[in-house]
Amino acid sequence: MAFNVPNMFGQVGFFTPTAPRSTMAVISLEREFDAPPEVVRPMMEDVERFMAAGGFDEARVDGDTLTLINRLGFATIQLTLEVVDDPAAVVAYRQHEGIFDSMETRYTLEPANGGSRVTAMTEFTLGGIPGTVLDSTIIKRQRTREIKGQFDYLEASLDDA
């Protein structure tokens, strides 16, 4: 789409609007649990429940597609994600459709101090219209809350076990 608009000198020319591009941003959090990996792993592999624990209004898994929905006031943000096979991760996915130019998340699990360590890492690039409205600080804050909610779910589930 191009517009025929005057520039600051009054000359008419073509202008093609483009949204600013963001650089890659990374969020990485980890937490240790007093349970071995073989106890924690099944809780993470229940992907629908594990993702819902992040505070999403809806989390649905259909085959290799994960759909996450958040309602924020008058706006609804929906991410359609592809669950990917990553031998180093318990759960890994990348955005198929949503607000990011790109977004990938990995949850790893390893033995640590007689228990387990879960590490969640999300890498993302904002772009398009959302990239002009949101900045990476807002996304990092939201994503940190989601991951902490998932870690709290694991902790509570282990306490109940």
C-alpha atoms as a PDB file:
ATOM      1  CA  MET A   1       0.000   0.000   0.000  1.00  0.00           C
ATOM      2  CA  ALA A   2       1.434   3.391  -0.952  1.00  0.00           C
ATOM      3  CA  PHE A   3       0.204   6.908  -0.355  1.00  0.00           C
ATOM      4  CA  ASN A   4       0.733   9.957  -2.519  1.00  0.00           C
ATOM      5  CA  VAL A   5       1.609  12.543   0.132  1.00  0.00           C
ATOM      6  CA  PRO A   6       3.529  15.812   0.295  1.00  0.00           C
ATOM      7  CA  ASN A   7       6.853  15.730   2.117  1.00  0.00           C
ATOM      8  CA  MET A   8       8.032  18.450   4.503  1.00  0.00           C
ATOM      9  CA  PHE A   9       9.022  20.641   1.517  1.00  0.00           C
ATOM     10  CA  GLY A  10       5.572  20.401  -0.063  1.00  0.00           C
ATOM     11  CA  GLN A  11       6.770  18.060  -2.797  1.00  0.00           C
ATOM     12  CA  VAL A  12       4.379  15.234  -3.582  1.00  0.00           C
ATOM     13  CA  GLY A  13       5.822  11.736  -3.612  1.00  0.00           C
ATOM     14  CA  PHE A  14       4.960   8.186  -2.755  1.00  0.00           C
ATOM     15  CA  PHE A  15       5.215   6.967   0.807  1.00  0.00           C
ATOM     16  CA  THR A  16       4.904   3.351   1.860  1.00  0.00           C
ATOM     17  CA  PRO A  17       4.308   3.034   5.594  1.00  0.00           C
ATOM     18  CA  THR A  18       6.245   0.358   7.440  1.00  0.00           C
ATOM     19  CA  ALA A  19       6.073  -0.589  11.069  1.00  0.00           C
ATOM     20  CA  PRO A  20       9.277  -0.320  13.051  1.00  0.00           C
ATOM     21  CA  ARG A  21      11.109  -3.592  13.525  1.00  0.00           C
ATOM     22  CA  SER A  22      12.237  -4.712  16.942  1.00  0.00           C
ATOM     23  CA  THR A  23      15.330  -6.612  17.853  1.00  0.00           C
ATOM     24  CA  MET A  24      15.161 -10.056  19.412  1.00  0.00           C
ATOM     25  CA  ALA A  25      14.252  -9.996  23.107  1.00  0.00           C
ATOM     26  CA  VAL A  26      14.796 -12.866  25.540  1.00  0.00           C
ATOM     27  CA  ILE A  27      13.092 -13.829  28.791  1.00  0.00           C
ATOM     28  CA  SER A  28      14.660 -16.645  30.781  1.00  0.00           C
ATOM     29  CA  LEU A  29      13.541 -17.808  34.225  1.00  0.00           C
ATOM     30  CA  GLU A  30      14.343 -20.895  36.226  1.00  0.00           C
ATOM     31  CA  ARG A  31      13.169 -22.479  39.449  1.00  0.00           C
ATOM     32  CA  GLU A  32      14.315 -25.477  41.435  1.00  0.00           C
ATOM     33  CA  PHE A  33      11.861 -28.049  42.799  1.00  0.00           C
ATOM     34  CA  ASP A  34      12.259 -30.646  45.562  1.00  0.00           C
ATOM     35  CA  ALA A  35      11.254 -33.508  43.277  1.00  0.00           C
ATOM     36  CA  PRO A  36      13.201 -35.499  40.708  1.00  0.00           C
ATOM     37  CA  PRO A  37      12.729 -34.841  36.980  1.00  0.00           C
ATOM     38  CA  GLU A  38      10.690 -38.050  36.516  1.00  0.00           C
ATOM     39  CA  VAL A  39       8.040 -36.620  38.888  1.00  0.00           C
ATOM     40  CA  VAL A  40       8.014 -33.092  37.391  1.00  0.00           C
ATOM     41  CA  ARG A  41       8.104 -34.121  33.696  1.00  0.00           C
ATOM     42  CA  PRO A  42       4.519 -35.538  33.473  1.00  0.00           C
ATOM     43  CA  MET A  43       3.113 -32.298  34.933  1.00  0.00           C
ATOM     44  CA  MET A  44       4.832 -30.312  32.183  1.00  0.00           C
ATOM     45  CA  GLU A  45       3.864 -32.804  29.468  1.00  0.00           C
ATOM     46  CA  ASP A  46       0.196 -32.136  30.272  1.00  0.00           C
ATOM     47  CA  VAL A  47       0.670 -29.119  27.999  1.00  0.00           C
ATOM     48  CA  GLU A  48      -2.895 -27.800  28.121  1.00  0.00           C
ATOM     49  CA  ARG A  49      -2.953 -27.712  31.922  1.00  0.00           C
ATOM     50  CA  PHE A  50       0.640 -26.467  32.193  1.00  0.00           C
ATOM     51  CA  MET A  51      -0.020 -23.584  29.781  1.00  0.00           C
ATOM     52  CA  ALA A  52      -3.348 -22.673  31.420  1.00  0.00           C
ATOM     53  CA  ALA A  53      -1.429 -22.276  34.690  1.00  0.00           C
ATOM     54  CA  GLY A  54       0.265 -19.268  33.099  1.00  0.00           C
ATOM     55  CA  GLY A  55      -2.973 -17.316  33.570  1.00  0.00           C
ATOM     56  CA  PHE A  56      -4.263 -17.584  30.014  1.00  0.00           C
ATOM     57  CA  ASP A  57      -8.033 -17.327  29.637  1.00  0.00           C
ATOM     58  CA  GLU A  58      -7.937 -20.322  27.320  1.00  0.00           C
ATOM     59  CA  ALA A  59      -5.297 -22.902  26.471  1.00  0.00           C
ATOM     60  CA  ARG A  60      -6.180 -25.591  23.911  1.00  0.00           C
ATOM     61  CA  VAL A  61      -4.098 -28.327  22.353  1.00  0.00           C
ATOM     62  CA  ASP A  62      -5.177 -29.970  19.108  1.00  0.00           C
ATOM     63  CA  GLY A  63      -2.466 -32.275  17.794  1.00  0.00           C
ATOM     64  CA  ASP A  64       0.650 -30.148  17.311  1.00  0.00           C
ATOM     65  CA  THR A  65      -1.290 -26.866  17.573  1.00  0.00           C
ATOM     66  CA  LEU A  66      -1.460 -24.946  20.826  1.00  0.00           C
ATOM     67  CA  THR A  67      -3.865 -21.997  21.026  1.00  0.00           C
ATOM     68  CA  LEU A  68      -3.510 -19.448  23.823  1.00  0.00           C
ATOM     69  CA  ILE A  69      -6.064 -16.710  24.377  1.00  0.00           C
ATOM     70  CA  ASN A  70      -5.798 -13.717  26.721  1.00  0.00           C
ATOM     71  CA  ARG A  71      -8.565 -11.176  27.138  1.00  0.00           C
ATOM     72  CA  LEU A  72      -7.147  -7.796  28.103  1.00  0.00           C
ATOM     73  CA  GLY A  73      -9.967  -5.350  28.678  1.00  0.00           C
ATOM     74  CA  PHE A  74     -11.595  -4.732  25.305  1.00  0.00           C
ATOM     75  CA  ALA A  75      -8.857  -6.568  23.390  1.00  0.00           C
ATOM     76  CA  THR A  76      -8.341 -10.288  22.889  1.00  0.00           C
ATOM     77  CA  ILE A  77      -4.914 -11.598  22.022  1.00  0.00           C
ATOM     78  CA  GLN A  78      -4.771 -15.027  20.433  1.00  0.00           C
ATOM     79  CA  LEU A  79      -1.579 -16.911  19.690  1.00  0.00           C
ATOM     80  CA  THR A  80      -1.595 -19.988  17.507  1.00  0.00           C
ATOM     81  CA  LEU A  81       1.535 -21.956  18.255  1.00  0.00           C
ATOM     82  CA  GLU A  82       3.139 -25.020  16.747  1.00  0.00           C
ATOM     83  CA  VAL A  83       4.406 -27.535  19.298  1.00  0.00           C
ATOM     84  CA  VAL A  84       7.825 -28.594  18.014  1.00  0.00           C
ATOM     85  CA  ASP A  85      10.051 -31.547  18.711  1.00  0.00           C
ATOM     86  CA  ASP A  86      13.125 -30.328  20.574  1.00  0.00           C
ATOM     87  CA  PRO A  87      15.119 -33.187  22.110  1.00  0.00           C
ATOM     88  CA  ALA A  88      16.612 -30.830  24.716  1.00  0.00           C
ATOM     89  CA  ALA A  89      13.197 -29.559  25.914  1.00  0.00           C
ATOM     90  CA  VAL A  90      10.189 -31.059  27.667  1.00  0.00           C
ATOM     91  CA  VAL A  91       7.901 -28.543  25.919  1.00  0.00           C
ATOM     92  CA  ALA A  92       8.827 -26.332  22.966  1.00  0.00           C
ATOM     93  CA  TYR A  93       6.721 -24.247  20.629  1.00  0.00           C
ATOM     94  CA  ARG A  94       6.938 -21.440  18.090  1.00  0.00           C
ATOM     95  CA  GLN A  95       4.343 -18.946  16.982  1.00  0.00           C
ATOM     96  CA  HIS A  96       2.415 -19.856  13.869  1.00  0.00           C
ATOM     97  CA  GLU A  97       0.025 -16.870  14.033  1.00  0.00           C
ATOM     98  CA  GLY A  98      -0.115 -13.986  16.479  1.00  0.00           C
ATOM     99  CA  ILE A  99       1.287 -10.626  17.475  1.00  0.00           C
ATOM    100  CA  PHE A 100       4.987 -11.397  17.044  1.00  0.00           C
ATOM    101  CA  ASP A 101       7.216 -11.373  13.993  1.00  0.00           C
ATOM    102  CA  SER A 102       8.710 -14.452  15.622  1.00  0.00           C
ATOM    103  CA  MET A 103       8.412 -16.152  18.999  1.00  0.00           C
ATOM    104  CA  GLU A 104       9.845 -19.402  20.319  1.00  0.00           C
ATOM    105  CA  THR A 105       9.668 -20.877  23.815  1.00  0.00           C
ATOM    106  CA  ARG A 106      11.458 -23.831  25.369  1.00  0.00           C
ATOM    107  CA  TYR A 107      11.000 -25.433  28.787  1.00  0.00           C
ATOM    108  CA  THR A 108      13.914 -27.597  29.888  1.00  0.00           C
ATOM    109  CA  LEU A 109      14.176 -29.895  32.889  1.00  0.00           C
ATOM    110  CA  GLU A 110      17.341 -31.150  34.561  1.00  0.00           C
ATOM    111  CA  PRO A 111      18.415 -32.705  37.854  1.00  0.00           C
ATOM    112  CA  ALA A 112      19.609 -30.136  40.404  1.00  0.00           C
ATOM    113  CA  ASN A 113      20.540 -30.334  44.096  1.00  0.00           C
ATOM    114  CA  GLY A 114      18.668 -33.599  44.671  1.00  0.00           C
ATOM    115  CA  GLY A 115      15.579 -32.292  42.859  1.00  0.00           C
ATOM    116  CA  SER A 116      14.902 -30.600  39.525  1.00  0.00           C
ATOM    117  CA  ARG A 117      15.497 -27.323  37.766  1.00  0.00           C
ATOM    118  CA  VAL A 118      12.993 -26.068  35.195  1.00  0.00           C
ATOM    119  CA  THR A 119      14.160 -23.336  32.850  1.00  0.00           C
ATOM    120  CA  ALA A 120      11.754 -21.429  30.616  1.00  0.00           C
ATOM    121  CA  MET A 121      13.176 -19.315  27.814  1.00  0.00           C
ATOM    122  CA  THR A 122      11.183 -17.231  25.340  1.00  0.00           C
ATOM    123  CA  GLU A 123      12.771 -15.377  22.433  1.00  0.00           C
ATOM    124  CA  PHE A 124      10.604 -12.948  20.490  1.00  0.00           C
ATOM    125  CA  THR A 125      10.600 -10.138  17.982  1.00  0.00           C
ATOM    126  CA  LEU A 126       7.728  -7.677  17.829  1.00  0.00           C
ATOM    127  CA  GLY A 127       6.690  -6.203  14.525  1.00  0.00           C
ATOM    128  CA  GLY A 128       3.743  -5.052  12.489  1.00  0.00           C
ATOM    129  CA  ILE A 129       0.949  -3.061  14.107  1.00  0.00           C
ATOM    130  CA  PRO A 130       1.386  -4.635  17.594  1.00  0.00           C
ATOM    131  CA  GLY A 131       5.055  -3.651  17.472  1.00  0.00           C
ATOM    132  CA  THR A 132       4.049  -0.002  17.161  1.00  0.00           C
ATOM    133  CA  VAL A 133       1.759  -0.210  20.202  1.00  0.00           C
ATOM    134  CA  LEU A 134       3.607  -2.640  22.482  1.00  0.00           C
ATOM    135  CA  ASP A 135       7.223  -2.676  23.453  1.00  0.00           C
ATOM    136  CA  SER A 136       9.337  -5.564  24.648  1.00  0.00           C
ATOM    137  CA  THR A 137       9.220  -4.344  28.273  1.00  0.00           C
ATOM    138  CA  ILE A 138       5.456  -4.905  28.439  1.00  0.00           C
ATOM    139  CA  ILE A 139       5.768  -8.343  26.838  1.00  0.00           C
ATOM    140  CA  LYS A 140       8.643  -9.321  29.161  1.00  0.00           C
ATOM    141  CA  ARG A 141       6.599  -8.315  32.220  1.00  0.00           C
ATOM    142  CA  GLN A 142       3.569 -10.285  31.032  1.00  0.00           C
ATOM    143  CA  ARG A 143       5.630 -13.307  30.034  1.00  0.00           C
ATOM    144  CA  THR A 144       7.421 -13.298  33.419  1.00  0.00           C
ATOM    145  CA  ARG A 145       4.021 -13.423  35.192  1.00  0.00           C
ATOM    146  CA  GLU A 146       2.940 -16.320  32.968  1.00  0.00           C
ATOM    147  CA  ILE A 147       6.079 -18.358  33.621  1.00  0.00           C
ATOM    148  CA  LYS A 148       5.939 -17.697  37.374  1.00  0.00           C
ATOM    149  CA  GLY A 149       2.314 -18.900  37.314  1.00  0.00           C
ATOM    150  CA  GLN A 150       3.430 -22.110  35.607  1.00  0.00           C
ATOM    151  CA  PHE A 151       6.197 -22.601  38.172  1.00  0.00           C
ATOM    152  CA  ASP A 152       3.692 -21.977  40.999  1.00  0.00           C
ATOM    153  CA  TYR A 153       1.403 -24.614  39.444  1.00  0.00           C
ATOM    154  CA  LEU A 154       4.255 -27.148  39.441  1.00  0.00           C
ATOM    155  CA  GLU A 155       5.091 -26.291  43.071  1.00  0.00           C
ATOM    156  CA  ALA A 156       1.454 -26.627  44.189  1.00  0.00           C
ATOM    157  CA  SER A 157       1.021 -29.887  42.261  1.00  0.00           C
ATOM    158  CA  LEU A 158       4.126 -31.317  43.910  1.00  0.00           C
ATOM    159  CA  ASP A 159       2.813 -30.252  47.346  1.00  0.00           C
ATOM    160  CA  ASP A 160      -0.474 -32.066  46.600  1.00  0.00           C
ATOM    161  CA  ALA A 161       1.299 -35.240  45.424  1.00  0.00           C
END
